[in-house]
């Protein structure tokens, strides 16, 4: 006999689909409201709910406060961005510098698509405890992955023995994060392609510039 409390798979899928659709509507609404330069802290929940065609009660059922809203929107907006970088670090780097340039280019494209939200995330993370903790943990997870790859490459003799995996992982991650944020300032004038080429070259040289056999 099936459980009386078990939710049928079809119903769970419908619920998940509704939530995914709702979250995408909210993401678009938040980004549109941020696009005119209004700070995230000044955008009322009611305004976001109206823009996403959701009842206020429905909105609060998914997002108890604006911090949790920003965290979830950041999860959605950065999924592809982190995936592009993670994929490069998981490959064998047979395409050399061009491969990391392509990965950084994909990250920059993702940042540009969601730039208003991600710039707001960078600002709010500096003073909101929950948002700051979320972002530090997300970045730390990526740093750990880079560190593990550098340790593996050093053990295999693919990078110079003097490379410190932990320190280098922090340097590379911080360099990419900060460089993209600064480059997206209105007055930078830096083209996406130029930024990707510069960051890709910097990463490649830091990791493999003095590798054995170079």
C-alpha atoms as a PDB file:
ATOM      1  CA  UNK A   1       0.000   0.000   0.000  1.00  0.00           C
ATOM      2  CA  UNK A   2       1.360   3.395  -0.940  1.00  0.00           C
ATOM      3  CA  UNK A   3       2.018   5.900   1.802  1.00  0.00           C
ATOM      4  CA  UNK A   4      -0.838   8.274   2.575  1.00  0.00           C
ATOM      5  CA  UNK A   5       1.649  11.112   3.062  1.00  0.00           C
ATOM      6  CA  UNK A   6       3.860  10.484   0.055  1.00  0.00           C
ATOM      7  CA  UNK A   7       3.482  13.127  -2.644  1.00  0.00           C
ATOM      8  CA  UNK A   8       3.061  11.554  -6.102  1.00  0.00           C
ATOM      9  CA  UNK A   9       6.060  12.059  -8.391  1.00  0.00           C
ATOM     10  CA  UNK A  10       3.974  13.910 -10.977  1.00  0.00           C
ATOM     11  CA  UNK A  11       2.729  16.332  -8.325  1.00  0.00           C
ATOM     12  CA  UNK A  12       6.262  16.943  -7.056  1.00  0.00           C
ATOM     13  CA  UNK A  13       7.410  17.681 -10.594  1.00  0.00           C
ATOM     14  CA  UNK A  14       4.545  20.092 -11.158  1.00  0.00           C
ATOM     15  CA  UNK A  15       5.390  21.837  -7.894  1.00  0.00           C
ATOM     16  CA  UNK A  16       9.076  22.042  -8.848  1.00  0.00           C
ATOM     17  CA  UNK A  17       8.185  23.379 -12.283  1.00  0.00           C
ATOM     18  CA  UNK A  18       5.930  26.043 -10.772  1.00  0.00           C
ATOM     19  CA  UNK A  19       8.653  27.107  -8.371  1.00  0.00           C
ATOM     20  CA  UNK A  20      11.253  27.257 -11.147  1.00  0.00           C
ATOM     21  CA  UNK A  21       8.940  29.352 -13.301  1.00  0.00           C
ATOM     22  CA  UNK A  22       8.162  31.650 -10.386  1.00  0.00           C
ATOM     23  CA  UNK A  23      11.848  32.102  -9.512  1.00  0.00           C
ATOM     24  CA  UNK A  24      12.717  32.977 -13.101  1.00  0.00           C
ATOM     25  CA  UNK A  25       9.959  35.605 -13.131  1.00  0.00           C
ATOM     26  CA  UNK A  26      11.294  37.067  -9.916  1.00  0.00           C
ATOM     27  CA  UNK A  27      14.852  37.078 -11.268  1.00  0.00           C
ATOM     28  CA  UNK A  28      13.772  38.991 -14.371  1.00  0.00           C
ATOM     29  CA  UNK A  29      11.726  41.410 -12.273  1.00  0.00           C
ATOM     30  CA  UNK A  30      14.583  42.160  -9.867  1.00  0.00           C
ATOM     31  CA  UNK A  31      17.040  42.697 -12.701  1.00  0.00           C
ATOM     32  CA  UNK A  32      14.676  45.034 -14.510  1.00  0.00           C
ATOM     33  CA  UNK A  33      14.133  47.064 -11.336  1.00  0.00           C
ATOM     34  CA  UNK A  34      17.889  47.296 -10.742  1.00  0.00           C
ATOM     35  CA  UNK A  35      18.633  48.313 -14.331  1.00  0.00           C
ATOM     36  CA  UNK A  36      17.771  51.970 -13.778  1.00  0.00           C
ATOM     37  CA  UNK A  37      20.371  52.294 -11.032  1.00  0.00           C
ATOM     38  CA  UNK A  38      18.049  51.911  -8.035  1.00  0.00           C
ATOM     39  CA  UNK A  39      19.965  50.296  -5.122  1.00  0.00           C
ATOM     40  CA  UNK A  40      18.711  46.879  -4.121  1.00  0.00           C
ATOM     41  CA  UNK A  41      17.963  48.043  -0.574  1.00  0.00           C
ATOM     42  CA  UNK A  42      15.566  50.686  -1.929  1.00  0.00           C
ATOM     43  CA  UNK A  43      13.428  48.267  -3.957  1.00  0.00           C
ATOM     44  CA  UNK A  44      10.327  47.348  -1.963  1.00  0.00           C
ATOM     45  CA  UNK A  45       9.186  43.734  -1.765  1.00  0.00           C
ATOM     46  CA  UNK A  46       5.728  44.804  -2.939  1.00  0.00           C
ATOM     47  CA  UNK A  47       7.271  46.293  -6.067  1.00  0.00           C
ATOM     48  CA  UNK A  48       9.149  43.073  -6.816  1.00  0.00           C
ATOM     49  CA  UNK A  49       6.005  41.011  -6.218  1.00  0.00           C
ATOM     50  CA  UNK A  50       3.966  43.165  -8.586  1.00  0.00           C
ATOM     51  CA  UNK A  51       6.672  43.116 -11.260  1.00  0.00           C
ATOM     52  CA  UNK A  52       6.864  39.310 -11.047  1.00  0.00           C
ATOM     53  CA  UNK A  53       3.063  38.974 -11.118  1.00  0.00           C
ATOM     54  CA  UNK A  54       2.962  37.298  -7.727  1.00  0.00           C
ATOM     55  CA  UNK A  55       0.814  37.825  -4.668  1.00  0.00           C
ATOM     56  CA  UNK A  56       2.692  39.189  -1.675  1.00  0.00           C
ATOM     57  CA  UNK A  57       1.749  36.082   0.341  1.00  0.00           C
ATOM     58  CA  UNK A  58       3.157  33.820  -2.384  1.00  0.00           C
ATOM     59  CA  UNK A  59       6.325  35.868  -2.507  1.00  0.00           C
ATOM     60  CA  UNK A  60       6.954  35.565   1.228  1.00  0.00           C
ATOM     61  CA  UNK A  61       6.265  31.834   1.133  1.00  0.00           C
ATOM     62  CA  UNK A  62       9.325  31.420  -1.063  1.00  0.00           C
ATOM     63  CA  UNK A  63      11.430  34.308   0.211  1.00  0.00           C
ATOM     64  CA  UNK A  64      11.038  35.223   3.897  1.00  0.00           C
ATOM     65  CA  UNK A  65      13.172  38.362   3.504  1.00  0.00           C
ATOM     66  CA  UNK A  66      15.155  40.319   0.913  1.00  0.00           C
ATOM     67  CA  UNK A  67      18.436  38.748   1.972  1.00  0.00           C
ATOM     68  CA  UNK A  68      17.144  35.261   1.193  1.00  0.00           C
ATOM     69  CA  UNK A  69      15.690  36.580  -2.044  1.00  0.00           C
ATOM     70  CA  UNK A  70      19.050  37.967  -3.163  1.00  0.00           C
ATOM     71  CA  UNK A  71      20.816  34.741  -2.169  1.00  0.00           C
ATOM     72  CA  UNK A  72      18.457  32.612  -4.256  1.00  0.00           C
ATOM     73  CA  UNK A  73      18.625  34.998  -7.217  1.00  0.00           C
ATOM     74  CA  UNK A  74      22.423  34.916  -7.011  1.00  0.00           C
ATOM     75  CA  UNK A  75      22.320  31.103  -7.055  1.00  0.00           C
ATOM     76  CA  UNK A  76      20.327  31.218 -10.284  1.00  0.00           C
ATOM     77  CA  UNK A  77      22.403  33.977 -11.876  1.00  0.00           C
ATOM     78  CA  UNK A  78      25.809  32.434 -11.115  1.00  0.00           C
ATOM     79  CA  UNK A  79      25.053  28.797 -11.978  1.00  0.00           C
ATOM     80  CA  UNK A  80      26.337  28.996 -15.552  1.00  0.00           C
ATOM     81  CA  UNK A  81      29.093  31.418 -14.571  1.00  0.00           C
ATOM     82  CA  UNK A  82      30.646  29.026 -12.075  1.00  0.00           C
ATOM     83  CA  UNK A  83      29.978  26.022 -14.320  1.00  0.00           C
ATOM     84  CA  UNK A  84      32.146  27.499 -17.095  1.00  0.00           C
ATOM     85  CA  UNK A  85      35.080  27.978 -14.721  1.00  0.00           C
ATOM     86  CA  UNK A  86      34.634  24.629 -13.001  1.00  0.00           C
ATOM     87  CA  UNK A  87      34.579  22.810 -16.326  1.00  0.00           C
ATOM     88  CA  UNK A  88      37.942  24.300 -17.310  1.00  0.00           C
ATOM     89  CA  UNK A  89      39.557  23.355 -14.009  1.00  0.00           C
ATOM     90  CA  UNK A  90      38.293  19.784 -14.420  1.00  0.00           C
ATOM     91  CA  UNK A  91      39.764  19.278 -17.917  1.00  0.00           C
ATOM     92  CA  UNK A  92      43.308  18.324 -18.902  1.00  0.00           C
ATOM     93  CA  UNK A  93      44.007  21.790 -20.430  1.00  0.00           C
ATOM     94  CA  UNK A  94      45.074  20.387 -23.766  1.00  0.00           C
ATOM     95  CA  UNK A  95      43.944  23.611 -25.437  1.00  0.00           C
ATOM     96  CA  UNK A  96      46.405  25.595 -23.319  1.00  0.00           C
ATOM     97  CA  UNK A  97      45.836  29.333 -22.900  1.00  0.00           C
ATOM     98  CA  UNK A  98      42.976  29.492 -25.404  1.00  0.00           C
ATOM     99  CA  UNK A  99      40.944  27.167 -23.220  1.00  0.00           C
ATOM    100  CA  UNK A 100      41.079  29.351 -20.131  1.00  0.00           C
ATOM    101  CA  UNK A 101      40.389  32.454 -22.243  1.00  0.00           C
ATOM    102  CA  UNK A 102      37.246  30.753 -23.580  1.00  0.00           C
ATOM    103  CA  UNK A 103      36.163  29.776 -20.048  1.00  0.00           C
ATOM    104  CA  UNK A 104      36.684  33.304 -18.770  1.00  0.00           C
ATOM    105  CA  UNK A 105      34.804  34.622 -21.794  1.00  0.00           C
ATOM    106  CA  UNK A 106      31.826  32.443 -20.863  1.00  0.00           C
ATOM    107  CA  UNK A 107      31.992  33.723 -17.289  1.00  0.00           C
ATOM    108  CA  UNK A 108      32.050  37.326 -18.472  1.00  0.00           C
ATOM    109  CA  UNK A 109      29.084  36.668 -20.769  1.00  0.00           C
ATOM    110  CA  UNK A 110      27.162  35.257 -17.812  1.00  0.00           C
ATOM    111  CA  UNK A 111      28.115  38.236 -15.689  1.00  0.00           C
ATOM    112  CA  UNK A 112      26.992  40.650 -18.376  1.00  0.00           C
ATOM    113  CA  UNK A 113      23.626  38.913 -18.669  1.00  0.00           C
ATOM    114  CA  UNK A 114      23.030  39.293 -14.927  1.00  0.00           C
ATOM    115  CA  UNK A 115      25.285  42.275 -14.242  1.00  0.00           C
ATOM    116  CA  UNK A 116      22.766  44.395 -12.327  1.00  0.00           C
ATOM    117  CA  UNK A 117      21.974  41.607  -9.911  1.00  0.00           C
ATOM    118  CA  UNK A 118      25.596  40.539  -9.452  1.00  0.00           C
ATOM    119  CA  UNK A 119      26.810  44.076  -8.874  1.00  0.00           C
ATOM    120  CA  UNK A 120      24.057  44.424  -6.268  1.00  0.00           C
ATOM    121  CA  UNK A 121      25.198  41.138  -4.717  1.00  0.00           C
ATOM    122  CA  UNK A 122      28.755  42.458  -4.440  1.00  0.00           C
ATOM    123  CA  UNK A 123      27.512  45.611  -2.730  1.00  0.00           C
ATOM    124  CA  UNK A 124      25.063  43.956  -0.320  1.00  0.00           C
ATOM    125  CA  UNK A 125      27.493  41.167   0.627  1.00  0.00           C
ATOM    126  CA  UNK A 126      29.765  43.808   2.123  1.00  0.00           C
ATOM    127  CA  UNK A 127      27.294  44.692   4.898  1.00  0.00           C
ATOM    128  CA  UNK A 128      24.549  42.039   5.019  1.00  0.00           C
ATOM    129  CA  UNK A 129      25.600  39.140   7.276  1.00  0.00           C
ATOM    130  CA  UNK A 130      23.530  36.444   5.555  1.00  0.00           C
ATOM    131  CA  UNK A 131      24.358  37.515   2.006  1.00  0.00           C
ATOM    132  CA  UNK A 132      28.024  37.956   2.880  1.00  0.00           C
ATOM    133  CA  UNK A 133      28.197  34.503   4.473  1.00  0.00           C
ATOM    134  CA  UNK A 134      26.485  32.931   1.463  1.00  0.00           C
ATOM    135  CA  UNK A 135      28.874  34.521  -1.028  1.00  0.00           C
ATOM    136  CA  UNK A 136      32.003  33.756   1.000  1.00  0.00           C
ATOM    137  CA  UNK A 137      30.946  30.115   1.252  1.00  0.00           C
ATOM    138  CA  UNK A 138      30.192  29.916  -2.487  1.00  0.00           C
ATOM    139  CA  UNK A 139      33.552  31.396  -3.395  1.00  0.00           C
ATOM    140  CA  UNK A 140      35.340  29.231  -0.801  1.00  0.00           C
ATOM    141  CA  UNK A 141      33.874  26.105  -2.404  1.00  0.00           C
ATOM    142  CA  UNK A 142      35.323  27.175  -5.749  1.00  0.00           C
ATOM    143  CA  UNK A 143      38.684  28.044  -4.156  1.00  0.00           C
ATOM    144  CA  UNK A 144      38.840  24.545  -2.641  1.00  0.00           C
ATOM    145  CA  UNK A 145      38.271  22.999  -6.057  1.00  0.00           C
ATOM    146  CA  UNK A 146      41.065  25.088  -7.612  1.00  0.00           C
ATOM    147  CA  UNK A 147      43.397  24.267  -4.733  1.00  0.00           C
ATOM    148  CA  UNK A 148      42.736  20.530  -5.149  1.00  0.00           C
ATOM    149  CA  UNK A 149      43.503  20.734  -8.877  1.00  0.00           C
ATOM    150  CA  UNK A 150      46.731  22.647  -8.259  1.00  0.00           C
ATOM    151  CA  UNK A 151      47.794  20.084  -5.655  1.00  0.00           C
ATOM    152  CA  UNK A 152      47.133  17.302  -8.142  1.00  0.00           C
ATOM    153  CA  UNK A 153      49.038  19.067 -10.922  1.00  0.00           C
ATOM    154  CA  UNK A 154      51.983  19.713  -8.612  1.00  0.00           C
ATOM    155  CA  UNK A 155      52.113  16.062  -7.558  1.00  0.00           C
ATOM    156  CA  UNK A 156      52.068  15.046 -11.237  1.00  0.00           C
ATOM    157  CA  UNK A 157      54.893  17.473 -12.024  1.00  0.00           C
ATOM    158  CA  UNK A 158      52.716  19.562 -14.336  1.00  0.00           C
ATOM    159  CA  UNK A 159      53.357  22.832 -12.497  1.00  0.00           C
ATOM    160  CA  UNK A 160      56.388  24.197 -10.699  1.00  0.00           C
ATOM    161  CA  UNK A 161      57.102  22.628  -7.317  1.00  0.00           C
ATOM    162  CA  UNK A 162      57.248  26.078  -5.690  1.00  0.00           C
ATOM    163  CA  UNK A 163      53.575  26.818  -6.453  1.00  0.00           C
ATOM    164  CA  UNK A 164      51.572  27.055  -3.233  1.00  0.00           C
ATOM    165  CA  UNK A 165      48.156  25.570  -4.134  1.00  0.00           C
ATOM    166  CA  UNK A 166      46.197  27.226  -1.298  1.00  0.00           C
ATOM    167  CA  UNK A 167      47.613  30.715  -1.780  1.00  0.00           C
ATOM    168  CA  UNK A 168      47.481  30.516  -5.567  1.00  0.00           C
ATOM    169  CA  UNK A 169      43.849  29.383  -5.539  1.00  0.00           C
ATOM    170  CA  UNK A 170      42.887  32.428  -3.460  1.00  0.00           C
ATOM    171  CA  UNK A 171      44.902  34.789  -5.659  1.00  0.00           C
ATOM    172  CA  UNK A 172      43.420  33.486  -8.911  1.00  0.00           C
ATOM    173  CA  UNK A 173      39.834  33.446  -7.669  1.00  0.00           C
ATOM    174  CA  UNK A 174      40.050  36.912  -6.136  1.00  0.00           C
ATOM    175  CA  UNK A 175      41.727  38.288  -9.257  1.00  0.00           C
ATOM    176  CA  UNK A 176      38.943  37.059 -11.525  1.00  0.00           C
ATOM    177  CA  UNK A 177      36.114  38.120  -9.204  1.00  0.00           C
ATOM    178  CA  UNK A 178      37.471  41.611  -8.583  1.00  0.00           C
ATOM    179  CA  UNK A 179      38.634  42.227 -12.147  1.00  0.00           C
ATOM    180  CA  UNK A 180      35.232  41.418 -13.634  1.00  0.00           C
ATOM    181  CA  UNK A 181      33.436  43.592 -11.065  1.00  0.00           C
ATOM    182  CA  UNK A 182      35.738  46.568 -11.689  1.00  0.00           C
ATOM    183  CA  UNK A 183      35.650  46.144 -15.469  1.00  0.00           C
ATOM    184  CA  UNK A 184      31.864  46.371 -15.431  1.00  0.00           C
ATOM    185  CA  UNK A 185      31.970  49.840 -13.903  1.00  0.00           C
ATOM    186  CA  UNK A 186      30.365  52.313 -16.340  1.00  0.00           C
ATOM    187  CA  UNK A 187      33.616  54.190 -16.963  1.00  0.00           C
ATOM    188  CA  UNK A 188      36.031  51.272 -17.459  1.00  0.00           C
ATOM    189  CA  UNK A 189      35.707  51.091 -21.238  1.00  0.00           C
ATOM    190  CA  UNK A 190      37.190  47.580 -21.282  1.00  0.00           C
ATOM    191  CA  UNK A 191      35.747  45.248 -23.925  1.00  0.00           C
ATOM    192  CA  UNK A 192      34.657  41.789 -22.816  1.00  0.00           C
ATOM    193  CA  UNK A 193      37.062  40.136 -25.260  1.00  0.00           C
ATOM    194  CA  UNK A 194      40.019  42.151 -23.974  1.00  0.00           C
ATOM    195  CA  UNK A 195      39.162  41.345 -20.368  1.00  0.00           C
ATOM    196  CA  UNK A 196      38.841  37.623 -21.132  1.00  0.00           C
ATOM    197  CA  UNK A 197      42.190  37.613 -22.960  1.00  0.00           C
ATOM    198  CA  UNK A 198      43.964  39.462 -20.141  1.00  0.00           C
ATOM    199  CA  UNK A 199      42.550  37.292 -17.373  1.00  0.00           C
ATOM    200  CA  UNK A 200      43.058  34.088 -19.317  1.00  0.00           C
ATOM    201  CA  UNK A 201      46.690  34.935 -20.012  1.00  0.00           C
ATOM    202  CA  UNK A 202      47.295  35.908 -16.383  1.00  0.00           C
ATOM    203  CA  UNK A 203      45.813  32.658 -15.084  1.00  0.00           C
ATOM    204  CA  UNK A 204      47.751  30.533 -17.555  1.00  0.00           C
ATOM    205  CA  UNK A 205      51.074  32.209 -16.768  1.00  0.00           C
ATOM    206  CA  UNK A 206      50.565  32.035 -12.999  1.00  0.00           C
ATOM    207  CA  UNK A 207      49.771  28.321 -13.136  1.00  0.00           C
ATOM    208  CA  UNK A 208      51.864  27.015 -16.017  1.00  0.00           C
ATOM    209  CA  UNK A 209      54.268  29.831 -16.933  1.00  0.00           C
ATOM    210  CA  UNK A 210      57.229  28.223 -15.158  1.00  0.00           C
ATOM    211  CA  UNK A 211      56.096  24.609 -15.373  1.00  0.00           C
ATOM    212  CA  UNK A 212      58.780  21.945 -15.818  1.00  0.00           C
ATOM    213  CA  UNK A 213      59.871  21.713 -19.441  1.00  0.00           C
ATOM    214  CA  UNK A 214      58.874  25.287 -20.276  1.00  0.00           C
END
